[in-house]
C-alpha cells in the first residue's frame, strides 16, 4: 500500500473508503454566468478503485479535461464532492493534491532546467523535504540518469515525455492521471512508455487514462467510463461495453471473387471489401451464425474461409456518443 508524504516527510495513512482511489459525487462545473453560461459537468458520479487502470473517454468538449483539472486543483468546482485517496479536494486541498500526479499532453518543460533541477523544483513545490526526495531514483526509473544534468532543450521528444512522468512522481502519489500521454509520440516510444506505466500499475499505483487512441484504452484499461456533454453515458469493463453493442461481423472469402452482393442477401447488413470478400454485420441476440451461413449456402456459394469479429471499443464509442473523433487534446 502506498503512503503519502506530509510536509515534514512523515507518512500519512488515511482513507475514508479504503477501496476507492477517486470518489466523485454530483460534480458540476459551470463556466460563465447568465444566458452564456456553459455547463461543462452536469452532476457526474464516478468512482475509481484503488490499483485499477481506468479509462476516461469522451469527444472533444465532453468535460474530461475539466474533471481532471478539478481533481488536480487547477479548476474550482461549482457543486458536488470529490475525494482523492480519501481526501476531500475542498476540505483538504493540500492532501488531495499530494495524492495525485498529472501527466499533461503538452510538453510544458522549462528548456533551461536540467531533469534533475526540474524534479528538485517540483518536489519543493509539493513541500517534499530534501531528505525525503527520490530524484536520482526517479531519474533512473524513467531512464534519464545519463541526461540528468543536461538542459531539457537538448532532450528528444521521448525523453521529454518521460520527464513529465518523472515530475508527476516526485511526491510519490498513489494516483497518476495520464491526459493524452502518447499524442504525437512514435510507435517505439509508445511501447517503452506503456511498459513503464504498466509497471507502476503493477506496483499498486492507480492509473487514470484519457486518450483518443482507443486501442490503447482497450488494451490497458480494466474499466472504462465514457462521458458526453458533461454527463456519464456508460461505465463498464472493456468487454462489458463491447457486449452492450451486441454486434458481430462475419467476413467470408468464397472460392470465386464476388463483384456484387447477391440479391438474396438483401435482408442482410453486408458489404463487399475491395478484395471481393463479403462482410456481414449482425446482432448475436437476433441472429446466430448458423442462420447467416445457411443463407450463404442457399445462394449456391462455396466458402473458402471465414472469420468472426466482435465490435471494438471504437464502435461502442460512436454508438454511445455519435462522434467519430473520440477524443482531442484540447477541451
C-alpha atoms as a PDB file:
ATOM      1  CA  UNK A   1       0.000   0.000   0.000  1.00  0.00           C
ATOM      2  CA  UNK A   2       1.375   3.373  -0.982  1.00  0.00           C
ATOM      3  CA  UNK A   3       1.605   6.157   1.567  1.00  0.00           C
ATOM      4  CA  UNK A   4       1.515   9.909   1.138  1.00  0.00           C
ATOM      5  CA  UNK A   5       4.210  12.231   2.392  1.00  0.00           C
ATOM      6  CA  UNK A   6       3.267  15.062   4.705  1.00  0.00           C
ATOM      7  CA  UNK A   7       5.075  18.410   4.603  1.00  0.00           C
ATOM      8  CA  UNK A   8       7.663  17.150   7.091  1.00  0.00           C
ATOM      9  CA  UNK A   9       8.292  13.928   5.187  1.00  0.00           C
ATOM     10  CA  UNK A  10       6.333  11.659   7.513  1.00  0.00           C
ATOM     11  CA  UNK A  11       3.785   9.207   6.224  1.00  0.00           C
ATOM     12  CA  UNK A  12       0.091   9.929   6.046  1.00  0.00           C
ATOM     13  CA  UNK A  13      -2.306   6.987   6.115  1.00  0.00           C
ATOM     14  CA  UNK A  14      -5.925   7.942   5.791  1.00  0.00           C
ATOM     15  CA  UNK A  15      -8.798   6.539   3.773  1.00  0.00           C
ATOM     16  CA  UNK A  16     -12.482   7.347   4.115  1.00  0.00           C
ATOM     17  CA  UNK A  17     -13.193   4.496   1.720  1.00  0.00           C
ATOM     18  CA  UNK A  18     -10.314   2.019   1.656  1.00  0.00           C
ATOM     19  CA  UNK A  19     -11.356   0.644  -1.740  1.00  0.00           C
ATOM     20  CA  UNK A  20     -11.517   3.868  -3.768  1.00  0.00           C
ATOM     21  CA  UNK A  21      -8.734   5.976  -5.227  1.00  0.00           C
ATOM     22  CA  UNK A  22     -11.149   8.567  -6.660  1.00  0.00           C
ATOM     23  CA  UNK A  23     -14.695   9.160  -5.463  1.00  0.00           C
ATOM     24  CA  UNK A  24     -16.815  11.763  -7.293  1.00  0.00           C
ATOM     25  CA  UNK A  25     -20.418  12.599  -6.409  1.00  0.00           C
ATOM     26  CA  UNK A  26     -22.667  15.104  -8.175  1.00  0.00           C
ATOM     27  CA  UNK A  27     -19.724  17.005  -9.652  1.00  0.00           C
ATOM     28  CA  UNK A  28     -20.786  20.121 -11.540  1.00  0.00           C
ATOM     29  CA  UNK A  29     -18.877  22.873 -13.287  1.00  0.00           C
ATOM     30  CA  UNK A  30     -20.427  25.907 -14.931  1.00  0.00           C
ATOM     31  CA  UNK A  31     -18.327  28.413 -16.859  1.00  0.00           C
ATOM     32  CA  UNK A  32     -19.683  31.944 -17.104  1.00  0.00           C
ATOM     33  CA  UNK A  33     -22.992  33.369 -15.943  1.00  0.00           C
ATOM     34  CA  UNK A  34     -26.376  34.203 -17.338  1.00  0.00           C
ATOM     35  CA  UNK A  35     -27.528  33.131 -20.813  1.00  0.00           C
ATOM     36  CA  UNK A  36     -23.955  32.499 -21.958  1.00  0.00           C
ATOM     37  CA  UNK A  37     -23.163  30.090 -19.125  1.00  0.00           C
ATOM     38  CA  UNK A  38     -21.806  26.710 -20.189  1.00  0.00           C
ATOM     39  CA  UNK A  39     -22.373  23.642 -18.044  1.00  0.00           C
ATOM     40  CA  UNK A  40     -19.243  21.551 -18.588  1.00  0.00           C
ATOM     41  CA  UNK A  41     -20.102  18.902 -15.964  1.00  0.00           C
ATOM     42  CA  UNK A  42     -23.695  18.057 -15.102  1.00  0.00           C
ATOM     43  CA  UNK A  43     -23.652  16.253 -11.783  1.00  0.00           C
ATOM     44  CA  UNK A  44     -21.227  13.440 -12.597  1.00  0.00           C
ATOM     45  CA  UNK A  45     -20.939  10.428 -10.282  1.00  0.00           C
ATOM     46  CA  UNK A  46     -17.789   8.352 -10.728  1.00  0.00           C
ATOM     47  CA  UNK A  47     -15.548   6.168  -8.590  1.00  0.00           C
ATOM     48  CA  UNK A  48     -12.234   4.516  -9.409  1.00  0.00           C
ATOM     49  CA  UNK A  49     -10.967   1.513  -7.472  1.00  0.00           C
ATOM     50  CA  UNK A  50      -7.503   1.591  -5.935  1.00  0.00           C
ATOM     51  CA  UNK A  51      -4.903  -0.144  -8.043  1.00  0.00           C
ATOM     52  CA  UNK A  52      -7.022  -0.096 -11.187  1.00  0.00           C
ATOM     53  CA  UNK A  53      -6.134   1.053 -14.697  1.00  0.00           C
ATOM     54  CA  UNK A  54      -9.123   3.233 -15.539  1.00  0.00           C
ATOM     55  CA  UNK A  55     -10.040   4.829 -18.869  1.00  0.00           C
ATOM     56  CA  UNK A  56     -11.968   8.103 -19.176  1.00  0.00           C
ATOM     57  CA  UNK A  57     -13.111   8.651 -22.753  1.00  0.00           C
ATOM     58  CA  UNK A  58     -15.233  11.245 -24.464  1.00  0.00           C
ATOM     59  CA  UNK A  59     -15.498  13.503 -27.515  1.00  0.00           C
ATOM     60  CA  UNK A  60     -13.865  16.888 -27.717  1.00  0.00           C
ATOM     61  CA  UNK A  61     -15.518  19.205 -25.194  1.00  0.00           C
ATOM     62  CA  UNK A  62     -17.195  16.375 -23.278  1.00  0.00           C
ATOM     63  CA  UNK A  63     -15.792  17.510 -19.919  1.00  0.00           C
ATOM     64  CA  UNK A  64     -12.818  15.168 -19.433  1.00  0.00           C
ATOM     65  CA  UNK A  65     -10.185  17.858 -19.011  1.00  0.00           C
ATOM     66  CA  UNK A  66     -12.490  19.873 -16.768  1.00  0.00           C
ATOM     67  CA  UNK A  67     -12.874  16.872 -14.461  1.00  0.00           C
ATOM     68  CA  UNK A  68      -9.119  16.215 -14.413  1.00  0.00           C
ATOM     69  CA  UNK A  69      -8.334  19.870 -13.708  1.00  0.00           C
ATOM     70  CA  UNK A  70     -10.810  19.901 -10.819  1.00  0.00           C
ATOM     71  CA  UNK A  71      -9.166  16.807  -9.322  1.00  0.00           C
ATOM     72  CA  UNK A  72      -5.731  18.396  -9.771  1.00  0.00           C
ATOM     73  CA  UNK A  73      -6.843  21.595  -8.028  1.00  0.00           C
ATOM     74  CA  UNK A  74      -6.478  23.733 -11.159  1.00  0.00           C
ATOM     75  CA  UNK A  75     -10.208  24.421 -11.597  1.00  0.00           C
ATOM     76  CA  UNK A  76     -12.752  25.165  -8.856  1.00  0.00           C
ATOM     77  CA  UNK A  77     -15.885  23.022  -8.969  1.00  0.00           C
ATOM     78  CA  UNK A  78     -19.317  24.637  -8.966  1.00  0.00           C
ATOM     79  CA  UNK A  79     -21.007  21.905  -6.932  1.00  0.00           C
ATOM     80  CA  UNK A  80     -20.627  18.321  -5.827  1.00  0.00           C
ATOM     81  CA  UNK A  81     -17.912  16.428  -3.962  1.00  0.00           C
ATOM     82  CA  UNK A  82     -14.694  14.729  -4.969  1.00  0.00           C
ATOM     83  CA  UNK A  83     -12.167  12.771  -2.938  1.00  0.00           C
ATOM     84  CA  UNK A  84      -8.721  11.531  -3.909  1.00  0.00           C
ATOM     85  CA  UNK A  85      -7.359   8.686  -1.792  1.00  0.00           C
ATOM     86  CA  UNK A  86      -9.864   9.624   0.910  1.00  0.00           C
ATOM     87  CA  UNK A  87      -9.073  13.366   0.916  1.00  0.00           C
ATOM     88  CA  UNK A  88     -11.810  15.823   0.023  1.00  0.00           C
ATOM     89  CA  UNK A  89     -10.485  18.265  -2.595  1.00  0.00           C
ATOM     90  CA  UNK A  90     -12.322  21.200  -0.974  1.00  0.00           C
ATOM     91  CA  UNK A  91     -11.786  20.492   2.736  1.00  0.00           C
ATOM     92  CA  UNK A  92      -8.288  19.009   2.403  1.00  0.00           C
ATOM     93  CA  UNK A  93      -6.864  20.518  -0.806  1.00  0.00           C
ATOM     94  CA  UNK A  94      -3.179  20.139   0.097  1.00  0.00           C
ATOM     95  CA  UNK A  95      -3.513  16.472   0.990  1.00  0.00           C
ATOM     96  CA  UNK A  96      -5.659  15.809  -2.095  1.00  0.00           C
ATOM     97  CA  UNK A  97      -3.066  17.427  -4.376  1.00  0.00           C
ATOM     98  CA  UNK A  98      -0.319  15.296  -2.840  1.00  0.00           C
ATOM     99  CA  UNK A  99      -2.355  12.202  -3.660  1.00  0.00           C
ATOM    100  CA  UNK A 100      -2.432  12.832  -7.412  1.00  0.00           C
ATOM    101  CA  UNK A 101       0.126  13.356 -10.158  1.00  0.00           C
ATOM    102  CA  UNK A 102      -0.974  14.586 -13.571  1.00  0.00           C
ATOM    103  CA  UNK A 103       0.985  13.919 -16.778  1.00  0.00           C
ATOM    104  CA  UNK A 104      -0.287  16.510 -19.273  1.00  0.00           C
ATOM    105  CA  UNK A 105      -0.284  16.166 -23.023  1.00  0.00           C
ATOM    106  CA  UNK A 106       1.606  19.417 -23.523  1.00  0.00           C
ATOM    107  CA  UNK A 107       5.396  19.261 -23.169  1.00  0.00           C
ATOM    108  CA  UNK A 108       5.439  22.092 -20.615  1.00  0.00           C
ATOM    109  CA  UNK A 109       9.097  21.852 -19.630  1.00  0.00           C
ATOM    110  CA  UNK A 110      11.436  24.769 -18.950  1.00  0.00           C
ATOM    111  CA  UNK A 111      14.172  24.351 -21.585  1.00  0.00           C
ATOM    112  CA  UNK A 112      16.833  25.898 -19.314  1.00  0.00           C
ATOM    113  CA  UNK A 113      16.338  23.412 -16.468  1.00  0.00           C
ATOM    114  CA  UNK A 114      18.009  20.040 -16.378  1.00  0.00           C
ATOM    115  CA  UNK A 115      15.871  16.993 -15.495  1.00  0.00           C
ATOM    116  CA  UNK A 116      17.471  16.927 -12.046  1.00  0.00           C
ATOM    117  CA  UNK A 117      16.689  20.612 -11.450  1.00  0.00           C
ATOM    118  CA  UNK A 118      13.139  20.192 -12.747  1.00  0.00           C
ATOM    119  CA  UNK A 119      12.450  17.333 -10.345  1.00  0.00           C
ATOM    120  CA  UNK A 120      14.021  19.147  -7.410  1.00  0.00           C
ATOM    121  CA  UNK A 121      11.889  22.219  -8.143  1.00  0.00           C
ATOM    122  CA  UNK A 122       8.739  20.101  -8.474  1.00  0.00           C
ATOM    123  CA  UNK A 123       9.480  18.360  -5.175  1.00  0.00           C
ATOM    124  CA  UNK A 124       9.957  21.723  -3.498  1.00  0.00           C
ATOM    125  CA  UNK A 125       6.630  22.968  -4.809  1.00  0.00           C
ATOM    126  CA  UNK A 126       4.965  19.951  -3.189  1.00  0.00           C
ATOM    127  CA  UNK A 127       6.769  20.559   0.072  1.00  0.00           C
ATOM    128  CA  UNK A 128       8.777  17.351  -0.038  1.00  0.00           C
ATOM    129  CA  UNK A 129      11.787  17.771   2.333  1.00  0.00           C
ATOM    130  CA  UNK A 130      15.211  17.205   0.802  1.00  0.00           C
ATOM    131  CA  UNK A 131      15.815  14.151   2.966  1.00  0.00           C
ATOM    132  CA  UNK A 132      12.648  12.557   1.575  1.00  0.00           C
ATOM    133  CA  UNK A 133      13.267  13.307  -2.119  1.00  0.00           C
ATOM    134  CA  UNK A 134      13.898  10.480  -4.580  1.00  0.00           C
ATOM    135  CA  UNK A 135      15.286  12.461  -7.509  1.00  0.00           C
ATOM    136  CA  UNK A 136      18.029  10.031  -8.543  1.00  0.00           C
ATOM    137  CA  UNK A 137      15.765   7.030  -8.032  1.00  0.00           C
ATOM    138  CA  UNK A 138      13.046   8.513 -10.260  1.00  0.00           C
ATOM    139  CA  UNK A 139      15.506   9.602 -12.957  1.00  0.00           C
ATOM    140  CA  UNK A 140      16.837   6.069 -13.097  1.00  0.00           C
ATOM    141  CA  UNK A 141      13.314   4.637 -13.217  1.00  0.00           C
ATOM    142  CA  UNK A 142      12.410   6.711 -16.306  1.00  0.00           C
ATOM    143  CA  UNK A 143      15.774   6.163 -17.988  1.00  0.00           C
ATOM    144  CA  UNK A 144      17.116   9.704 -17.675  1.00  0.00           C
ATOM    145  CA  UNK A 145      20.140   9.141 -15.459  1.00  0.00           C
ATOM    146  CA  UNK A 146      22.648   9.933 -18.230  1.00  0.00           C
ATOM    147  CA  UNK A 147      20.717  13.099 -19.161  1.00  0.00           C
ATOM    148  CA  UNK A 148      20.126  14.184 -15.549  1.00  0.00           C
ATOM    149  CA  UNK A 149      22.271  17.315 -15.817  1.00  0.00           C
ATOM    150  CA  UNK A 150      21.641  18.205 -19.458  1.00  0.00           C
ATOM    151  CA  UNK A 151      19.432  21.112 -20.454  1.00  0.00           C
ATOM    152  CA  UNK A 152      15.855  19.966 -21.109  1.00  0.00           C
ATOM    153  CA  UNK A 153      16.000  21.656 -24.523  1.00  0.00           C
ATOM    154  CA  UNK A 154      18.601  19.074 -25.585  1.00  0.00           C
ATOM    155  CA  UNK A 155      16.316  16.122 -24.808  1.00  0.00           C
ATOM    156  CA  UNK A 156      14.479  14.228 -27.510  1.00  0.00           C
ATOM    157  CA  UNK A 157      10.697  14.235 -27.585  1.00  0.00           C
ATOM    158  CA  UNK A 158      10.602  10.817 -25.972  1.00  0.00           C
ATOM    159  CA  UNK A 159      12.909  11.896 -23.166  1.00  0.00           C
ATOM    160  CA  UNK A 160      10.787  14.978 -22.511  1.00  0.00           C
ATOM    161  CA  UNK A 161       7.706  12.781 -22.261  1.00  0.00           C
ATOM    162  CA  UNK A 162       9.494  10.602 -19.693  1.00  0.00           C
ATOM    163  CA  UNK A 163      10.488  13.741 -17.781  1.00  0.00           C
ATOM    164  CA  UNK A 164       6.803  14.689 -17.499  1.00  0.00           C
ATOM    165  CA  UNK A 165       6.110  11.283 -15.953  1.00  0.00           C
ATOM    166  CA  UNK A 166       9.020  11.788 -13.569  1.00  0.00           C
ATOM    167  CA  UNK A 167       7.693  15.209 -12.496  1.00  0.00           C
ATOM    168  CA  UNK A 168       4.317  13.638 -11.707  1.00  0.00           C
ATOM    169  CA  UNK A 169       6.026  11.086  -9.437  1.00  0.00           C
ATOM    170  CA  UNK A 170       8.246  13.288  -7.250  1.00  0.00           C
ATOM    171  CA  UNK A 171       5.734  13.437  -4.387  1.00  0.00           C
ATOM    172  CA  UNK A 172       5.023   9.687  -4.535  1.00  0.00           C
ATOM    173  CA  UNK A 173       1.315   9.990  -5.468  1.00  0.00           C
ATOM    174  CA  UNK A 174      -0.819   6.858  -5.311  1.00  0.00           C
ATOM    175  CA  UNK A 175      -2.893   8.164  -8.257  1.00  0.00           C
ATOM    176  CA  UNK A 176      -1.478   9.206 -11.646  1.00  0.00           C
ATOM    177  CA  UNK A 177      -3.599  10.779 -14.390  1.00  0.00           C
ATOM    178  CA  UNK A 178      -2.382  10.485 -17.974  1.00  0.00           C
ATOM    179  CA  UNK A 179      -4.012  13.129 -20.177  1.00  0.00           C
ATOM    180  CA  UNK A 180      -3.418  12.124 -23.819  1.00  0.00           C
ATOM    181  CA  UNK A 181       0.081  10.862 -22.907  1.00  0.00           C
ATOM    182  CA  UNK A 182       1.097   9.471 -26.306  1.00  0.00           C
ATOM    183  CA  UNK A 183      -0.217  12.187 -28.611  1.00  0.00           C
ATOM    184  CA  UNK A 184       2.411  12.783 -31.281  1.00  0.00           C
ATOM    185  CA  UNK A 185       4.668  10.037 -29.916  1.00  0.00           C
ATOM    186  CA  UNK A 186       6.262   7.466 -32.236  1.00  0.00           C
ATOM    187  CA  UNK A 187       5.490   3.759 -32.047  1.00  0.00           C
ATOM    188  CA  UNK A 188       8.760   2.724 -30.367  1.00  0.00           C
ATOM    189  CA  UNK A 189       8.397   5.297 -27.607  1.00  0.00           C
ATOM    190  CA  UNK A 190       4.783   4.302 -27.015  1.00  0.00           C
ATOM    191  CA  UNK A 191       5.873   0.729 -26.407  1.00  0.00           C
ATOM    192  CA  UNK A 192       8.531   1.825 -23.901  1.00  0.00           C
ATOM    193  CA  UNK A 193       6.183   4.292 -22.243  1.00  0.00           C
ATOM    194  CA  UNK A 194       3.408   1.772 -21.721  1.00  0.00           C
ATOM    195  CA  UNK A 195       5.804  -0.844 -20.386  1.00  0.00           C
ATOM    196  CA  UNK A 196       6.851   1.598 -17.692  1.00  0.00           C
ATOM    197  CA  UNK A 197       3.287   2.689 -16.878  1.00  0.00           C
ATOM    198  CA  UNK A 198       2.137  -0.921 -16.620  1.00  0.00           C
ATOM    199  CA  UNK A 199       4.981  -1.487 -14.186  1.00  0.00           C
ATOM    200  CA  UNK A 200       3.750   1.375 -11.997  1.00  0.00           C
ATOM    201  CA  UNK A 201       0.248  -0.051 -12.050  1.00  0.00           C
ATOM    202  CA  UNK A 202       1.522  -3.490 -11.066  1.00  0.00           C
ATOM    203  CA  UNK A 203       3.221  -1.843  -8.076  1.00  0.00           C
ATOM    204  CA  UNK A 204      -0.171  -0.556  -6.912  1.00  0.00           C
ATOM    205  CA  UNK A 205      -0.342   2.902  -8.492  1.00  0.00           C
ATOM    206  CA  UNK A 206      -3.838   3.774  -9.703  1.00  0.00           C
ATOM    207  CA  UNK A 207      -3.800   4.986 -13.313  1.00  0.00           C
ATOM    208  CA  UNK A 208      -6.479   7.124 -14.965  1.00  0.00           C
ATOM    209  CA  UNK A 209      -6.087   7.491 -18.725  1.00  0.00           C
ATOM    210  CA  UNK A 210      -7.690   9.793 -21.267  1.00  0.00           C
ATOM    211  CA  UNK A 211      -6.734   9.091 -24.863  1.00  0.00           C
ATOM    212  CA  UNK A 212      -8.025   9.349 -28.409  1.00  0.00           C
ATOM    213  CA  UNK A 213      -6.101   6.163 -29.266  1.00  0.00           C
ATOM    214  CA  UNK A 214      -8.945   3.837 -28.348  1.00  0.00           C
ATOM    215  CA  UNK A 215      -6.843   0.737 -28.981  1.00  0.00           C
ATOM    216  CA  UNK A 216      -4.660   1.821 -26.045  1.00  0.00           C
ATOM    217  CA  UNK A 217      -7.668   2.127 -23.747  1.00  0.00           C
ATOM    218  CA  UNK A 218      -8.983  -1.229 -24.937  1.00  0.00           C
ATOM    219  CA  UNK A 219      -5.628  -2.892 -24.348  1.00  0.00           C
ATOM    220  CA  UNK A 220      -4.676  -1.494 -20.949  1.00  0.00           C
ATOM    221  CA  UNK A 221      -7.774  -0.404 -19.031  1.00  0.00           C
ATOM    222  CA  UNK A 222      -9.622  -2.607 -16.560  1.00  0.00           C
ATOM    223  CA  UNK A 223     -12.674  -0.372 -16.680  1.00  0.00           C
ATOM    224  CA  UNK A 224     -13.766   2.462 -18.937  1.00  0.00           C
ATOM    225  CA  UNK A 225     -16.159   5.366 -18.437  1.00  0.00           C
ATOM    226  CA  UNK A 226     -17.489   7.387 -21.356  1.00  0.00           C
ATOM    227  CA  UNK A 227     -18.535  10.989 -20.803  1.00  0.00           C
ATOM    228  CA  UNK A 228     -20.502  13.078 -23.307  1.00  0.00           C
ATOM    229  CA  UNK A 229     -21.847  16.627 -22.976  1.00  0.00           C
ATOM    230  CA  UNK A 230     -20.834  16.698 -19.318  1.00  0.00           C
ATOM    231  CA  UNK A 231     -22.697  13.513 -18.399  1.00  0.00           C
ATOM    232  CA  UNK A 232     -21.573   9.947 -17.786  1.00  0.00           C
ATOM    233  CA  UNK A 233     -23.188   7.815 -20.522  1.00  0.00           C
ATOM    234  CA  UNK A 234     -21.515   4.465 -19.814  1.00  0.00           C
ATOM    235  CA  UNK A 235     -19.190   2.744 -17.377  1.00  0.00           C
ATOM    236  CA  UNK A 236     -18.170  -0.906 -17.559  1.00  0.00           C
ATOM    237  CA  UNK A 237     -15.289  -3.246 -18.244  1.00  0.00           C
ATOM    238  CA  UNK A 238     -13.989  -3.110 -21.814  1.00  0.00           C
ATOM    239  CA  UNK A 239     -15.530  -6.482 -22.611  1.00  0.00           C
ATOM    240  CA  UNK A 240     -18.771  -5.438 -20.947  1.00  0.00           C
ATOM    241  CA  UNK A 241     -19.003  -2.338 -23.125  1.00  0.00           C
ATOM    242  CA  UNK A 242     -18.422  -4.370 -26.273  1.00  0.00           C
ATOM    243  CA  UNK A 243     -21.098  -6.873 -25.251  1.00  0.00           C
ATOM    244  CA  UNK A 244     -23.566  -3.997 -24.918  1.00  0.00           C
ATOM    245  CA  UNK A 245     -23.098  -3.267 -28.601  1.00  0.00           C
ATOM    246  CA  UNK A 246     -24.310  -6.783 -29.432  1.00  0.00           C
ATOM    247  CA  UNK A 247     -22.732  -6.617 -32.875  1.00  0.00           C
ATOM    248  CA  UNK A 248     -20.585  -9.077 -34.786  1.00  0.00           C
ATOM    249  CA  UNK A 249     -19.017  -9.037 -38.231  1.00  0.00           C
ATOM    250  CA  UNK A 250     -18.674 -12.191 -40.313  1.00  0.00           C
ATOM    251  CA  UNK A 251     -16.063 -11.958 -43.094  1.00  0.00           C
ATOM    252  CA  UNK A 252     -16.344 -14.609 -45.811  1.00  0.00           C
ATOM    253  CA  UNK A 253     -13.933 -15.437 -48.606  1.00  0.00           C
ATOM    254  CA  UNK A 254     -15.503 -17.508 -51.351  1.00  0.00           C
ATOM    255  CA  UNK A 255     -13.764 -19.780 -53.835  1.00  0.00           C
ATOM    256  CA  UNK A 256     -14.712 -17.255 -56.501  1.00  0.00           C
ATOM    257  CA  UNK A 257     -14.455 -13.481 -56.367  1.00  0.00           C
ATOM    258  CA  UNK A 258     -17.714 -11.578 -55.875  1.00  0.00           C
ATOM    259  CA  UNK A 259     -18.176  -8.430 -57.932  1.00  0.00           C
ATOM    260  CA  UNK A 260     -21.589  -7.599 -56.464  1.00  0.00           C
ATOM    261  CA  UNK A 261     -23.691  -8.580 -53.455  1.00  0.00           C
ATOM    262  CA  UNK A 262     -26.209 -11.303 -54.431  1.00  0.00           C
ATOM    263  CA  UNK A 263     -29.836 -10.151 -54.402  1.00  0.00           C
ATOM    264  CA  UNK A 264     -30.697 -12.951 -51.975  1.00  0.00           C
ATOM    265  CA  UNK A 265     -28.648 -11.121 -49.330  1.00  0.00           C
ATOM    266  CA  UNK A 266     -30.821  -8.014 -49.494  1.00  0.00           C
ATOM    267  CA  UNK A 267     -32.159  -8.641 -45.981  1.00  0.00           C
ATOM    268  CA  UNK A 268     -28.636  -8.750 -44.521  1.00  0.00           C
ATOM    269  CA  UNK A 269     -26.448  -5.840 -43.441  1.00  0.00           C
ATOM    270  CA  UNK A 270     -23.489  -6.613 -45.683  1.00  0.00           C
ATOM    271  CA  UNK A 271     -20.817  -5.079 -47.884  1.00  0.00           C
ATOM    272  CA  UNK A 272     -18.095  -6.161 -50.265  1.00  0.00           C
ATOM    273  CA  UNK A 273     -14.468  -5.424 -49.456  1.00  0.00           C
ATOM    274  CA  UNK A 274     -12.025  -4.281 -52.127  1.00  0.00           C
ATOM    275  CA  UNK A 275     -10.700  -7.848 -52.226  1.00  0.00           C
ATOM    276  CA  UNK A 276     -14.104  -9.287 -53.058  1.00  0.00           C
ATOM    277  CA  UNK A 277     -14.866 -10.641 -49.604  1.00  0.00           C
ATOM    278  CA  UNK A 278     -18.312 -10.409 -48.097  1.00  0.00           C
ATOM    279  CA  UNK A 279     -18.710  -8.816 -44.681  1.00  0.00           C
ATOM    280  CA  UNK A 280     -21.995  -9.449 -42.875  1.00  0.00           C
ATOM    281  CA  UNK A 281     -22.861  -7.490 -39.739  1.00  0.00           C
ATOM    282  CA  UNK A 282     -25.469  -8.981 -37.420  1.00  0.00           C
ATOM    283  CA  UNK A 283     -26.661  -8.928 -33.824  1.00  0.00           C
ATOM    284  CA  UNK A 284     -25.987 -12.151 -31.982  1.00  0.00           C
ATOM    285  CA  UNK A 285     -29.152 -11.638 -29.912  1.00  0.00           C
ATOM    286  CA  UNK A 286     -31.299 -11.588 -33.073  1.00  0.00           C
ATOM    287  CA  UNK A 287     -29.497 -13.989 -35.411  1.00  0.00           C
ATOM    288  CA  UNK A 288     -26.993 -16.774 -34.967  1.00  0.00           C
ATOM    289  CA  UNK A 289     -24.060 -17.704 -37.157  1.00  0.00           C
ATOM    290  CA  UNK A 290     -25.784 -20.854 -38.443  1.00  0.00           C
ATOM    291  CA  UNK A 291     -28.693 -18.878 -39.899  1.00  0.00           C
ATOM    292  CA  UNK A 292     -26.345 -16.486 -41.675  1.00  0.00           C
ATOM    293  CA  UNK A 293     -24.283 -19.357 -43.121  1.00  0.00           C
ATOM    294  CA  UNK A 294     -27.432 -21.169 -44.204  1.00  0.00           C
ATOM    295  CA  UNK A 295     -28.422 -18.174 -46.294  1.00  0.00           C
ATOM    296  CA  UNK A 296     -24.959 -18.172 -47.897  1.00  0.00           C
ATOM    297  CA  UNK A 297     -25.286 -21.838 -48.828  1.00  0.00           C
ATOM    298  CA  UNK A 298     -28.755 -21.238 -50.273  1.00  0.00           C
ATOM    299  CA  UNK A 299     -27.184 -18.719 -52.648  1.00  0.00           C
ATOM    300  CA  UNK A 300     -25.039 -21.544 -54.060  1.00  0.00           C
ATOM    301  CA  UNK A 301     -21.748 -20.046 -52.906  1.00  0.00           C
ATOM    302  CA  UNK A 302     -18.806 -22.102 -51.668  1.00  0.00           C
ATOM    303  CA  UNK A 303     -16.954 -20.768 -48.629  1.00  0.00           C
ATOM    304  CA  UNK A 304     -13.158 -20.885 -48.777  1.00  0.00           C
ATOM    305  CA  UNK A 305     -12.516 -19.153 -45.467  1.00  0.00           C
ATOM    306  CA  UNK A 306     -14.329 -17.143 -42.812  1.00  0.00           C
ATOM    307  CA  UNK A 307     -13.711 -15.242 -39.590  1.00  0.00           C
ATOM    308  CA  UNK A 308     -15.872 -13.551 -36.970  1.00  0.00           C
ATOM    309  CA  UNK A 309     -15.051 -10.413 -35.026  1.00  0.00           C
ATOM    310  CA  UNK A 310     -16.963  -8.508 -32.376  1.00  0.00           C
ATOM    311  CA  UNK A 311     -17.456  -4.764 -32.364  1.00  0.00           C
ATOM    312  CA  UNK A 312     -14.477  -2.932 -30.900  1.00  0.00           C
ATOM    313  CA  UNK A 313     -14.302  -0.052 -28.471  1.00  0.00           C
ATOM    314  CA  UNK A 314     -14.478   2.491 -31.283  1.00  0.00           C
ATOM    315  CA  UNK A 315     -17.815   1.033 -32.406  1.00  0.00           C
ATOM    316  CA  UNK A 316     -19.102   1.343 -28.843  1.00  0.00           C
ATOM    317  CA  UNK A 317     -17.832   4.910 -28.587  1.00  0.00           C
ATOM    318  CA  UNK A 318     -19.540   6.001 -31.801  1.00  0.00           C
ATOM    319  CA  UNK A 319     -22.776   4.247 -30.844  1.00  0.00           C
ATOM    320  CA  UNK A 320     -22.906   5.997 -27.458  1.00  0.00           C
ATOM    321  CA  UNK A 321     -21.739   9.471 -28.457  1.00  0.00           C
ATOM    322  CA  UNK A 322     -22.345   9.687 -32.187  1.00  0.00           C
ATOM    323  CA  UNK A 323     -18.854  11.143 -32.506  1.00  0.00           C
ATOM    324  CA  UNK A 324     -16.353   9.735 -34.975  1.00  0.00           C
ATOM    325  CA  UNK A 325     -13.407  11.621 -33.436  1.00  0.00           C
ATOM    326  CA  UNK A 326     -13.284  10.052 -29.948  1.00  0.00           C
ATOM    327  CA  UNK A 327     -11.081  12.496 -28.144  1.00  0.00           C
ATOM    328  CA  UNK A 328      -8.989  15.540 -28.632  1.00  0.00           C
ATOM    329  CA  UNK A 329      -6.235  17.119 -26.655  1.00  0.00           C
ATOM    330  CA  UNK A 330      -7.920  20.475 -26.206  1.00  0.00           C
ATOM    331  CA  UNK A 331     -11.212  20.925 -24.439  1.00  0.00           C
END
